[in-house]
Amino acid sequence: MIASLFRKSTPLNYSIVIIGVLFFFFLYQIQHATGENSLWYFAVKIGLLGLIYASLFITNFIVKKNGLSKDSAYTVLFYLIFLLFFPTVLDDTALVISNFFILLAMRRLISLHSMKATKEKIFDAALWIFIAAIFHLWAISFIVLVFISILFHAARDYRNWFLPFIAFFTAITVFLFFAVIFDQNWIGNLINSAHFDFKINYFTNNYQNVALSIYATIAVFFLISLLMSLSNRPLILHSSYKKIISAFFIGVIIFVVSPNKSNDLIIFTFAPLAMMVSSHIEMAQIKWQQDVIIAVSTAAGLFCFFSQL
């Protein structure tokens, strides 16, 4: 029944997701209210909510525009579910902004298979990634995805390999310009964040550990499922799925190497994993299996959310 509701993109199922994001966002904000009531504080919160919505629907746009979905709403549903696993993401402005720019880059890179405006897409994607790195430095790791995409679609033109470097100098020039004008501490903060930290001992309660463990189990299951079924999918989509898998692994690497570690860093894997789960459900032949996957994932997400409030 649940699977049937989201099998087709309709105003109803999108409304459910939109209301769900709104409900859980404000529930988290109410539970963690600081007492501040300035206009700027509320503007930041509304902007953060807007970016979460934008990230969700950019992810949906990617799967629909590139033929990775059969017009279902599973992708947006699972993006919401993954947000529930790590509710502190709903208050991490820098990571939400960084992830938003990464999704803009993915939108350009996955559409490279059309071979239209190739140079513009490569430059745009690299530029978005470097902007994302301003908000979380290790988001720069996604530049690897740009070179993977060039290798898949545009390796013969040597000029394409130089475009990411041009984007880098463009981004760094603009960043330094604004840093000098507004706050030179931005430069120092960015440099100070350029170090590794492989320790995973940041948990402040057992529920954070449980949430990460359940999420990792889900991720491994659907990753293996996609890898095993890749040969059965249309050949034209193979490069897109490989880029999604690569994006997921890059997101995992960012979580592993980033300093000031927290579960919030998993945000970079939400979109790739939501795409993989959506693909698996759409290929499932038995309907009750689809319902079980959605029901179990939703129950786990709700448990993780309320246990961490």
C-alpha atoms as a PDB file:
ATOM      1  CA  MET A   1       0.000   0.000   0.000  1.00  0.00           C
ATOM      2  CA  ILE A   2       2.763   2.450   0.926  1.00  0.00           C
ATOM      3  CA  ALA A   3       4.697   1.557  -2.222  1.00  0.00           C
ATOM      4  CA  SER A   4       1.577   2.058  -4.329  1.00  0.00           C
ATOM      5  CA  LEU A   5       1.100   5.556  -2.924  1.00  0.00           C
ATOM      6  CA  PHE A   6       4.587   6.668  -4.028  1.00  0.00           C
ATOM      7  CA  ARG A   7       4.794   4.599  -7.221  1.00  0.00           C
ATOM      8  CA  LYS A   8       3.692   7.595  -9.294  1.00  0.00           C
ATOM      9  CA  SER A   9       4.649  11.232  -8.851  1.00  0.00           C
ATOM     10  CA  THR A  10       1.470  13.030  -7.822  1.00  0.00           C
ATOM     11  CA  PRO A  11       0.679  16.230  -5.935  1.00  0.00           C
ATOM     12  CA  LEU A  12      -0.486  14.057  -3.024  1.00  0.00           C
ATOM     13  CA  ASN A  13       2.769  12.201  -2.377  1.00  0.00           C
ATOM     14  CA  TYR A  14       4.861  15.321  -2.899  1.00  0.00           C
ATOM     15  CA  SER A  15       2.585  17.123  -0.423  1.00  0.00           C
ATOM     16  CA  ILE A  16       3.155  14.330   2.107  1.00  0.00           C
ATOM     17  CA  VAL A  17       6.933  14.741   1.804  1.00  0.00           C
ATOM     18  CA  ILE A  18       6.774  18.544   1.944  1.00  0.00           C
ATOM     19  CA  ILE A  19       4.573  18.486   5.047  1.00  0.00           C
ATOM     20  CA  GLY A  20       6.781  15.772   6.565  1.00  0.00           C
ATOM     21  CA  VAL A  21       9.926  17.879   6.155  1.00  0.00           C
ATOM     22  CA  LEU A  22       8.139  20.908   7.600  1.00  0.00           C
ATOM     23  CA  PHE A  23       6.778  18.944  10.577  1.00  0.00           C
ATOM     24  CA  PHE A  24      10.056  17.286  11.557  1.00  0.00           C
ATOM     25  CA  PHE A  25      12.084  20.451  10.942  1.00  0.00           C
ATOM     26  CA  PHE A  26       9.962  22.562  13.277  1.00  0.00           C
ATOM     27  CA  LEU A  27       9.651  19.749  15.809  1.00  0.00           C
ATOM     28  CA  TYR A  28      13.442  19.588  16.013  1.00  0.00           C
ATOM     29  CA  GLN A  29      13.778  23.371  16.206  1.00  0.00           C
ATOM     30  CA  ILE A  30      11.193  23.565  19.019  1.00  0.00           C
ATOM     31  CA  GLN A  31      12.967  20.844  20.990  1.00  0.00           C
ATOM     32  CA  HIS A  32      16.322  22.625  20.592  1.00  0.00           C
ATOM     33  CA  ALA A  33      15.184  26.228  20.865  1.00  0.00           C
ATOM     34  CA  THR A  34      17.879  28.557  22.189  1.00  0.00           C
ATOM     35  CA  GLY A  35      15.560  31.344  23.263  1.00  0.00           C
ATOM     36  CA  GLU A  36      16.918  33.678  20.600  1.00  0.00           C
ATOM     37  CA  ASN A  37      14.171  35.542  18.748  1.00  0.00           C
ATOM     38  CA  SER A  38      16.014  38.007  16.518  1.00  0.00           C
ATOM     39  CA  LEU A  39      14.907  38.583  12.936  1.00  0.00           C
ATOM     40  CA  TRP A  40      18.259  37.280  11.664  1.00  0.00           C
ATOM     41  CA  TYR A  41      17.851  34.034  13.636  1.00  0.00           C
ATOM     42  CA  PHE A  42      14.455  33.346  12.077  1.00  0.00           C
ATOM     43  CA  ALA A  43      15.731  34.308   8.620  1.00  0.00           C
ATOM     44  CA  VAL A  44      18.563  31.761   8.931  1.00  0.00           C
ATOM     45  CA  LYS A  45      16.126  29.022   9.980  1.00  0.00           C
ATOM     46  CA  ILE A  46      13.744  29.757   7.114  1.00  0.00           C
ATOM     47  CA  GLY A  47      16.671  29.847   4.702  1.00  0.00           C
ATOM     48  CA  LEU A  48      17.895  26.516   6.059  1.00  0.00           C
ATOM     49  CA  LEU A  49      14.453  24.966   5.528  1.00  0.00           C
ATOM     50  CA  GLY A  50      14.380  26.360   1.996  1.00  0.00           C
ATOM     51  CA  LEU A  51      17.772  24.792   1.227  1.00  0.00           C
ATOM     52  CA  ILE A  52      16.598  21.411   2.542  1.00  0.00           C
ATOM     53  CA  TYR A  53      13.577  21.590   0.236  1.00  0.00           C
ATOM     54  CA  ALA A  54      15.792  22.681  -2.657  1.00  0.00           C
ATOM     55  CA  SER A  55      18.217  19.803  -2.033  1.00  0.00           C
ATOM     56  CA  LEU A  56      15.378  17.308  -1.936  1.00  0.00           C
ATOM     57  CA  PHE A  57      13.858  18.457  -5.201  1.00  0.00           C
ATOM     58  CA  ILE A  58      17.200  18.823  -7.000  1.00  0.00           C
ATOM     59  CA  THR A  59      17.783  15.160  -6.154  1.00  0.00           C
ATOM     60  CA  ASN A  60      14.348  14.360  -7.573  1.00  0.00           C
ATOM     61  CA  PHE A  61      15.090  16.428 -10.687  1.00  0.00           C
ATOM     62  CA  ILE A  62      18.313  14.488 -11.302  1.00  0.00           C
ATOM     63  CA  VAL A  63      16.601  11.084 -11.352  1.00  0.00           C
ATOM     64  CA  LYS A  64      13.654  12.280 -13.442  1.00  0.00           C
ATOM     65  CA  LYS A  65      15.634  14.313 -15.993  1.00  0.00           C
ATOM     66  CA  ASN A  66      18.186  11.550 -16.590  1.00  0.00           C
ATOM     67  CA  GLY A  67      15.785   8.622 -16.802  1.00  0.00           C
ATOM     68  CA  LEU A  68      16.907   7.058 -13.515  1.00  0.00           C
ATOM     69  CA  SER A  69      13.339   6.838 -12.190  1.00  0.00           C
ATOM     70  CA  LYS A  70      10.088   5.484 -13.592  1.00  0.00           C
ATOM     71  CA  ASP A  71       8.197   8.603 -12.533  1.00  0.00           C
ATOM     72  CA  SER A  72       7.969   7.499  -8.895  1.00  0.00           C
ATOM     73  CA  ALA A  73       8.345   9.607  -5.761  1.00  0.00           C
ATOM     74  CA  TYR A  74      10.527   7.096  -3.908  1.00  0.00           C
ATOM     75  CA  THR A  75      13.628   9.284  -4.155  1.00  0.00           C
ATOM     76  CA  VAL A  76      12.128  12.238  -2.268  1.00  0.00           C
ATOM     77  CA  LEU A  77      10.542   9.875   0.254  1.00  0.00           C
ATOM     78  CA  PHE A  78      13.858   8.236   1.117  1.00  0.00           C
ATOM     79  CA  TYR A  79      15.686  11.565   1.220  1.00  0.00           C
ATOM     80  CA  LEU A  80      13.218  12.551   3.947  1.00  0.00           C
ATOM     81  CA  ILE A  81      13.683   9.212   5.736  1.00  0.00           C
ATOM     82  CA  PHE A  82      17.469   9.620   5.752  1.00  0.00           C
ATOM     83  CA  LEU A  83      17.081  13.095   7.239  1.00  0.00           C
ATOM     84  CA  LEU A  84      15.185  11.468  10.110  1.00  0.00           C
ATOM     85  CA  PHE A  85      18.117   9.169  10.854  1.00  0.00           C
ATOM     86  CA  PHE A  86      20.308  12.177  11.674  1.00  0.00           C
ATOM     87  CA  PRO A  87      18.048  15.003  12.919  1.00  0.00           C
ATOM     88  CA  THR A  88      20.985  17.255  13.881  1.00  0.00           C
ATOM     89  CA  VAL A  89      21.444  17.816  10.133  1.00  0.00           C
ATOM     90  CA  LEU A  90      18.311  19.965  10.376  1.00  0.00           C
ATOM     91  CA  ASP A  91      20.355  22.534  12.300  1.00  0.00           C
ATOM     92  CA  ASP A  92      23.721  22.320  10.527  1.00  0.00           C
ATOM     93  CA  THR A  93      23.587  25.275   8.159  1.00  0.00           C
ATOM     94  CA  ALA A  94      27.121  24.967   6.747  1.00  0.00           C
ATOM     95  CA  LEU A  95      26.743  21.306   5.774  1.00  0.00           C
ATOM     96  CA  VAL A  96      23.286  21.830   4.270  1.00  0.00           C
ATOM     97  CA  ILE A  97      24.665  24.666   2.130  1.00  0.00           C
ATOM     98  CA  SER A  98      27.694  22.609   1.110  1.00  0.00           C
ATOM     99  CA  ASN A  99      25.535  19.619   0.200  1.00  0.00           C
ATOM    100  CA  PHE A 100      23.213  21.873  -1.807  1.00  0.00           C
ATOM    101  CA  PHE A 101      26.100  22.992  -4.033  1.00  0.00           C
ATOM    102  CA  ILE A 102      27.298  19.396  -4.390  1.00  0.00           C
ATOM    103  CA  LEU A 103      23.850  18.446  -5.671  1.00  0.00           C
ATOM    104  CA  LEU A 104      24.011  21.286  -8.200  1.00  0.00           C
ATOM    105  CA  ALA A 105      27.322  19.817  -9.366  1.00  0.00           C
ATOM    106  CA  MET A 106      25.868  16.291  -9.574  1.00  0.00           C
ATOM    107  CA  ARG A 107      22.982  17.608 -11.648  1.00  0.00           C
ATOM    108  CA  ARG A 108      25.439  18.890 -14.241  1.00  0.00           C
ATOM    109  CA  LEU A 109      27.720  15.847 -14.166  1.00  0.00           C
ATOM    110  CA  ILE A 110      25.048  13.166 -14.478  1.00  0.00           C
ATOM    111  CA  SER A 111      23.520  15.015 -17.439  1.00  0.00           C
ATOM    112  CA  LEU A 112      26.858  14.851 -19.299  1.00  0.00           C
ATOM    113  CA  HIS A 113      25.703  11.671 -21.051  1.00  0.00           C
ATOM    114  CA  SER A 114      23.602  13.857 -23.369  1.00  0.00           C
ATOM    115  CA  MET A 115      26.877  15.312 -24.738  1.00  0.00           C
ATOM    116  CA  LYS A 116      25.274  18.763 -24.912  1.00  0.00           C
ATOM    117  CA  ALA A 117      27.107  21.846 -23.579  1.00  0.00           C
ATOM    118  CA  THR A 118      29.837  19.560 -22.255  1.00  0.00           C
ATOM    119  CA  LYS A 119      32.371  22.252 -21.387  1.00  0.00           C
ATOM    120  CA  GLU A 120      29.791  24.414 -19.638  1.00  0.00           C
ATOM    121  CA  LYS A 121      28.629  21.487 -17.519  1.00  0.00           C
ATOM    122  CA  ILE A 122      32.151  20.506 -16.519  1.00  0.00           C
ATOM    123  CA  PHE A 123      33.062  24.058 -15.548  1.00  0.00           C
ATOM    124  CA  ASP A 124      29.794  24.626 -13.672  1.00  0.00           C
ATOM    125  CA  ALA A 125      30.110  21.355 -11.751  1.00  0.00           C
ATOM    126  CA  ALA A 126      33.691  22.078 -10.709  1.00  0.00           C
ATOM    127  CA  LEU A 127      32.768  25.627  -9.680  1.00  0.00           C
ATOM    128  CA  TRP A 128      29.852  24.411  -7.520  1.00  0.00           C
ATOM    129  CA  ILE A 129      32.149  21.877  -5.835  1.00  0.00           C
ATOM    130  CA  PHE A 130      34.751  24.506  -4.995  1.00  0.00           C
ATOM    131  CA  ILE A 131      32.014  26.760  -3.605  1.00  0.00           C
ATOM    132  CA  ALA A 132      30.746  23.814  -1.527  1.00  0.00           C
ATOM    133  CA  ALA A 133      34.283  23.402  -0.175  1.00  0.00           C
ATOM    134  CA  ILE A 134      34.143  26.922   1.261  1.00  0.00           C
ATOM    135  CA  PHE A 135      31.429  25.717   3.662  1.00  0.00           C
ATOM    136  CA  HIS A 136      33.014  22.318   4.322  1.00  0.00           C
ATOM    137  CA  LEU A 137      36.541  21.974   3.007  1.00  0.00           C
ATOM    138  CA  TRP A 138      36.518  18.222   2.391  1.00  0.00           C
ATOM    139  CA  ALA A 139      33.587  18.590   0.011  1.00  0.00           C
ATOM    140  CA  ILE A 140      36.404  19.375  -2.423  1.00  0.00           C
ATOM    141  CA  SER A 141      36.821  15.590  -2.666  1.00  0.00           C
ATOM    142  CA  PHE A 142      33.891  15.593  -5.107  1.00  0.00           C
ATOM    143  CA  ILE A 143      36.222  17.089  -7.708  1.00  0.00           C
ATOM    144  CA  VAL A 144      37.212  13.458  -8.317  1.00  0.00           C
ATOM    145  CA  LEU A 145      33.680  12.941  -9.650  1.00  0.00           C
ATOM    146  CA  VAL A 146      34.303  15.670 -12.230  1.00  0.00           C
ATOM    147  CA  PHE A 147      37.355  13.858 -13.580  1.00  0.00           C
ATOM    148  CA  ILE A 148      35.475  10.538 -13.541  1.00  0.00           C
ATOM    149  CA  SER A 149      32.726  12.155 -15.598  1.00  0.00           C
ATOM    150  CA  ILE A 150      35.245  13.609 -18.056  1.00  0.00           C
ATOM    151  CA  LEU A 151      36.769  10.152 -18.409  1.00  0.00           C
ATOM    152  CA  PHE A 152      33.356   8.648 -19.176  1.00  0.00           C
ATOM    153  CA  HIS A 153      32.134  11.262 -21.653  1.00  0.00           C
ATOM    154  CA  ALA A 154      34.681  13.855 -22.754  1.00  0.00           C
ATOM    155  CA  ALA A 155      38.196  12.478 -22.388  1.00  0.00           C
ATOM    156  CA  ARG A 156      39.197  12.992 -26.019  1.00  0.00           C
ATOM    157  CA  ASP A 157      39.149  16.788 -25.840  1.00  0.00           C
ATOM    158  CA  TYR A 158      42.195  17.697 -23.739  1.00  0.00           C
ATOM    159  CA  ARG A 159      40.720  21.125 -22.968  1.00  0.00           C
ATOM    160  CA  ASN A 160      38.071  19.519 -20.766  1.00  0.00           C
ATOM    161  CA  TRP A 161      40.761  18.352 -18.319  1.00  0.00           C
ATOM    162  CA  PHE A 162      41.828  21.964 -17.673  1.00  0.00           C
ATOM    163  CA  LEU A 163      38.331  23.310 -16.964  1.00  0.00           C
ATOM    164  CA  PRO A 164      38.265  22.213 -13.286  1.00  0.00           C
ATOM    165  CA  PHE A 165      41.506  24.124 -12.682  1.00  0.00           C
ATOM    166  CA  ILE A 166      40.035  27.257 -14.260  1.00  0.00           C
ATOM    167  CA  ALA A 167      36.973  26.827 -12.019  1.00  0.00           C
ATOM    168  CA  PHE A 168      39.263  26.480  -9.006  1.00  0.00           C
ATOM    169  CA  PHE A 169      41.057  29.769  -9.679  1.00  0.00           C
ATOM    170  CA  THR A 170      37.707  31.452 -10.325  1.00  0.00           C
ATOM    171  CA  ALA A 171      36.272  30.236  -7.017  1.00  0.00           C
ATOM    172  CA  ILE A 172      39.378  31.031  -4.962  1.00  0.00           C
ATOM    173  CA  THR A 173      39.624  34.533  -6.473  1.00  0.00           C
ATOM    174  CA  VAL A 174      36.001  35.335  -5.644  1.00  0.00           C
ATOM    175  CA  PHE A 175      36.387  33.847  -2.138  1.00  0.00           C
ATOM    176  CA  LEU A 176      39.520  35.885  -1.371  1.00  0.00           C
ATOM    177  CA  PHE A 177      37.856  39.028  -2.702  1.00  0.00           C
ATOM    178  CA  PHE A 178      34.883  38.686  -0.353  1.00  0.00           C
ATOM    179  CA  ALA A 179      37.076  37.549   2.553  1.00  0.00           C
ATOM    180  CA  VAL A 180      39.240  40.666   2.285  1.00  0.00           C
ATOM    181  CA  ILE A 181      36.167  42.901   2.166  1.00  0.00           C
ATOM    182  CA  PHE A 182      34.015  41.280   4.868  1.00  0.00           C
ATOM    183  CA  ASP A 183      36.074  39.081   7.195  1.00  0.00           C
ATOM    184  CA  GLN A 184      39.674  37.944   6.726  1.00  0.00           C
ATOM    185  CA  ASN A 185      39.143  35.276   9.386  1.00  0.00           C
ATOM    186  CA  TRP A 186      37.336  33.241   6.710  1.00  0.00           C
ATOM    187  CA  ILE A 187      40.728  32.492   5.163  1.00  0.00           C
ATOM    188  CA  GLY A 188      42.236  31.322   8.437  1.00  0.00           C
ATOM    189  CA  ASN A 189      39.202  29.183   9.275  1.00  0.00           C
ATOM    190  CA  LEU A 190      39.370  27.484   5.892  1.00  0.00           C
ATOM    191  CA  ILE A 191      43.094  26.765   6.249  1.00  0.00           C
ATOM    192  CA  ASN A 192      42.665  25.470   9.806  1.00  0.00           C
ATOM    193  CA  SER A 193      40.063  22.949   8.643  1.00  0.00           C
ATOM    194  CA  ALA A 194      42.566  21.385   6.223  1.00  0.00           C
ATOM    195  CA  HIS A 195      43.494  18.355   8.296  1.00  0.00           C
ATOM    196  CA  PHE A 196      42.390  14.738   8.718  1.00  0.00           C
ATOM    197  CA  ASP A 197      40.715  13.063  11.645  1.00  0.00           C
ATOM    198  CA  PHE A 198      39.949   9.351  11.269  1.00  0.00           C
ATOM    199  CA  LYS A 199      38.673   8.866  14.819  1.00  0.00           C
ATOM    200  CA  ILE A 200      35.042   7.823  15.170  1.00  0.00           C
ATOM    201  CA  ASN A 201      34.539   8.383  18.886  1.00  0.00           C
ATOM    202  CA  TYR A 202      32.305  11.426  18.809  1.00  0.00           C
ATOM    203  CA  PHE A 203      29.042   9.797  19.926  1.00  0.00           C
ATOM    204  CA  THR A 204      27.381  11.647  22.804  1.00  0.00           C
ATOM    205  CA  ASN A 205      24.730   8.936  23.253  1.00  0.00           C
ATOM    206  CA  ASN A 206      24.073   5.372  22.133  1.00  0.00           C
ATOM    207  CA  TYR A 207      21.230   6.404  19.844  1.00  0.00           C
ATOM    208  CA  GLN A 208      23.659   8.217  17.540  1.00  0.00           C
ATOM    209  CA  ASN A 209      25.638   4.988  17.262  1.00  0.00           C
ATOM    210  CA  VAL A 210      22.459   2.996  16.565  1.00  0.00           C
ATOM    211  CA  ALA A 211      21.343   5.447  13.865  1.00  0.00           C
ATOM    212  CA  LEU A 212      24.707   5.265  12.108  1.00  0.00           C
ATOM    213  CA  SER A 213      24.748   1.456  12.321  1.00  0.00           C
ATOM    214  CA  ILE A 214      21.241   1.090  10.851  1.00  0.00           C
ATOM    215  CA  TYR A 215      22.003   3.603   8.109  1.00  0.00           C
ATOM    216  CA  ALA A 216      25.263   1.807   7.247  1.00  0.00           C
ATOM    217  CA  THR A 217      23.407  -1.519   7.032  1.00  0.00           C
ATOM    218  CA  ILE A 218      20.820  -0.026   4.663  1.00  0.00           C
ATOM    219  CA  ALA A 219      23.558   1.574   2.577  1.00  0.00           C
ATOM    220  CA  VAL A 220      25.569  -1.643   2.214  1.00  0.00           C
ATOM    221  CA  PHE A 221      22.464  -3.645   1.240  1.00  0.00           C
ATOM    222  CA  PHE A 222      21.333  -1.281  -1.514  1.00  0.00           C
ATOM    223  CA  LEU A 223      24.858  -0.631  -2.748  1.00  0.00           C
ATOM    224  CA  ILE A 224      25.432  -4.360  -3.231  1.00  0.00           C
ATOM    225  CA  SER A 225      21.993  -4.654  -4.848  1.00  0.00           C
ATOM    226  CA  LEU A 226      22.815  -1.963  -7.403  1.00  0.00           C
ATOM    227  CA  LEU A 227      26.248  -3.399  -8.159  1.00  0.00           C
ATOM    228  CA  MET A 228      24.802  -6.888  -8.710  1.00  0.00           C
ATOM    229  CA  SER A 229      21.937  -5.669 -10.902  1.00  0.00           C
ATOM    230  CA  LEU A 230      23.896  -3.095 -12.920  1.00  0.00           C
ATOM    231  CA  SER A 231      24.362  -5.436 -15.885  1.00  0.00           C
ATOM    232  CA  ASN A 232      20.559  -5.848 -16.141  1.00  0.00           C
ATOM    233  CA  ARG A 233      19.955  -2.120 -16.478  1.00  0.00           C
ATOM    234  CA  PRO A 234      19.896  -0.165 -19.768  1.00  0.00           C
ATOM    235  CA  LEU A 235      23.429   0.319 -21.082  1.00  0.00           C
ATOM    236  CA  ILE A 236      22.830   4.027 -21.613  1.00  0.00           C
ATOM    237  CA  LEU A 237      22.334   4.459 -17.843  1.00  0.00           C
ATOM    238  CA  HIS A 238      25.452   2.581 -16.725  1.00  0.00           C
ATOM    239  CA  SER A 239      27.657   5.670 -16.592  1.00  0.00           C
ATOM    240  CA  SER A 240      25.021   7.553 -14.575  1.00  0.00           C
ATOM    241  CA  TYR A 241      24.765   4.751 -12.025  1.00  0.00           C
ATOM    242  CA  LYS A 242      28.547   4.525 -11.787  1.00  0.00           C
ATOM    243  CA  LYS A 243      28.690   8.241 -11.035  1.00  0.00           C
ATOM    244  CA  ILE A 244      26.021   7.825  -8.344  1.00  0.00           C
ATOM    245  CA  ILE A 245      28.015   4.988  -6.771  1.00  0.00           C
ATOM    246  CA  SER A 246      31.188   7.088  -6.969  1.00  0.00           C
ATOM    247  CA  ALA A 247      29.395  10.028  -5.334  1.00  0.00           C
ATOM    248  CA  PHE A 248      28.275   7.765  -2.503  1.00  0.00           C
ATOM    249  CA  PHE A 249      31.821   6.537  -1.837  1.00  0.00           C
ATOM    250  CA  ILE A 250      33.164  10.094  -1.958  1.00  0.00           C
ATOM    251  CA  GLY A 251      30.531  11.054   0.626  1.00  0.00           C
ATOM    252  CA  VAL A 252      31.688   8.187   2.844  1.00  0.00           C
ATOM    253  CA  ILE A 253      35.328   9.291   2.481  1.00  0.00           C
ATOM    254  CA  ILE A 254      34.375  12.841   3.510  1.00  0.00           C
ATOM    255  CA  PHE A 255      32.747  11.437   6.647  1.00  0.00           C
ATOM    256  CA  VAL A 256      35.811   9.333   7.457  1.00  0.00           C
ATOM    257  CA  VAL A 257      38.467  12.035   6.983  1.00  0.00           C
ATOM    258  CA  SER A 258      36.680  15.163   8.206  1.00  0.00           C
ATOM    259  CA  PRO A 259      37.690  16.772  11.511  1.00  0.00           C
ATOM    260  CA  ASN A 260      35.033  17.778  14.048  1.00  0.00           C
ATOM    261  CA  LYS A 261      33.262  14.563  13.130  1.00  0.00           C
ATOM    262  CA  SER A 262      29.545  14.067  13.622  1.00  0.00           C
ATOM    263  CA  ASN A 263      26.714  12.096  12.049  1.00  0.00           C
ATOM    264  CA  ASP A 264      25.771  15.271  10.158  1.00  0.00           C
ATOM    265  CA  LEU A 265      28.606  14.574   7.702  1.00  0.00           C
ATOM    266  CA  ILE A 266      26.607  11.634   6.335  1.00  0.00           C
ATOM    267  CA  ILE A 267      24.461  14.223   4.519  1.00  0.00           C
ATOM    268  CA  PHE A 268      26.700  13.933   1.444  1.00  0.00           C
ATOM    269  CA  THR A 269      25.512  10.336   0.958  1.00  0.00           C
ATOM    270  CA  PHE A 270      21.770  11.043   1.268  1.00  0.00           C
ATOM    271  CA  ALA A 271      21.112  11.824  -2.398  1.00  0.00           C
ATOM    272  CA  PRO A 272      23.185   8.990  -3.934  1.00  0.00           C
ATOM    273  CA  LEU A 273      21.709   6.448  -1.520  1.00  0.00           C
ATOM    274  CA  ALA A 274      18.137   7.714  -2.065  1.00  0.00           C
ATOM    275  CA  MET A 275      18.694   7.213  -5.803  1.00  0.00           C
ATOM    276  CA  MET A 276      20.006   3.681  -5.244  1.00  0.00           C
ATOM    277  CA  VAL A 277      17.088   2.728  -2.979  1.00  0.00           C
ATOM    278  CA  SER A 278      14.576   4.187  -5.427  1.00  0.00           C
ATOM    279  CA  SER A 279      16.151   2.202  -8.268  1.00  0.00           C
ATOM    280  CA  HIS A 280      16.005  -1.028  -6.250  1.00  0.00           C
ATOM    281  CA  ILE A 281      12.340  -0.603  -5.291  1.00  0.00           C
ATOM    282  CA  GLU A 282      11.298   0.181  -8.851  1.00  0.00           C
ATOM    283  CA  MET A 283      12.967  -3.025 -10.065  1.00  0.00           C
ATOM    284  CA  ALA A 284      11.476  -5.215  -7.326  1.00  0.00           C
ATOM    285  CA  GLN A 285       9.037  -7.696  -8.849  1.00  0.00           C
ATOM    286  CA  ILE A 286       7.086  -8.563  -5.693  1.00  0.00           C
ATOM    287  CA  LYS A 287       4.974  -5.700  -4.323  1.00  0.00           C
ATOM    288  CA  TRP A 288       5.047  -6.824  -0.706  1.00  0.00           C
ATOM    289  CA  GLN A 289       8.842  -6.545  -0.761  1.00  0.00           C
ATOM    290  CA  GLN A 290       8.500  -2.903  -1.775  1.00  0.00           C
ATOM    291  CA  ASP A 291       6.092  -2.261   1.110  1.00  0.00           C
ATOM    292  CA  VAL A 292       8.396  -4.021   3.587  1.00  0.00           C
ATOM    293  CA  ILE A 293      11.428  -1.964   2.511  1.00  0.00           C
ATOM    294  CA  ILE A 294       9.550   1.323   2.845  1.00  0.00           C
ATOM    295  CA  ALA A 295       7.805   0.376   6.097  1.00  0.00           C
ATOM    296  CA  VAL A 296      10.981  -0.862   7.804  1.00  0.00           C
ATOM    297  CA  SER A 297      13.013   2.148   6.622  1.00  0.00           C
ATOM    298  CA  THR A 298      10.315   4.576   7.777  1.00  0.00           C
ATOM    299  CA  ALA A 299      10.003   2.880  11.171  1.00  0.00           C
ATOM    300  CA  ALA A 300      13.790   2.942  11.625  1.00  0.00           C
ATOM    301  CA  GLY A 301      13.925   6.614  10.612  1.00  0.00           C
ATOM    302  CA  LEU A 302      11.164   7.583  13.051  1.00  0.00           C
ATOM    303  CA  PHE A 303      12.813   5.632  15.863  1.00  0.00           C
ATOM    304  CA  CYS A 304      16.170   7.301  15.232  1.00  0.00           C
ATOM    305  CA  PHE A 305      14.594  10.755  15.006  1.00  0.00           C
ATOM    306  CA  PHE A 306      12.574  10.630  18.231  1.00  0.00           C
ATOM    307  CA  SER A 307      15.305   8.844  20.164  1.00  0.00           C
ATOM    308  CA  GLN A 308      17.743  11.686  19.366  1.00  0.00           C
ATOM    309  CA  LEU A 309      15.436  14.646  20.037  1.00  0.00           C
END
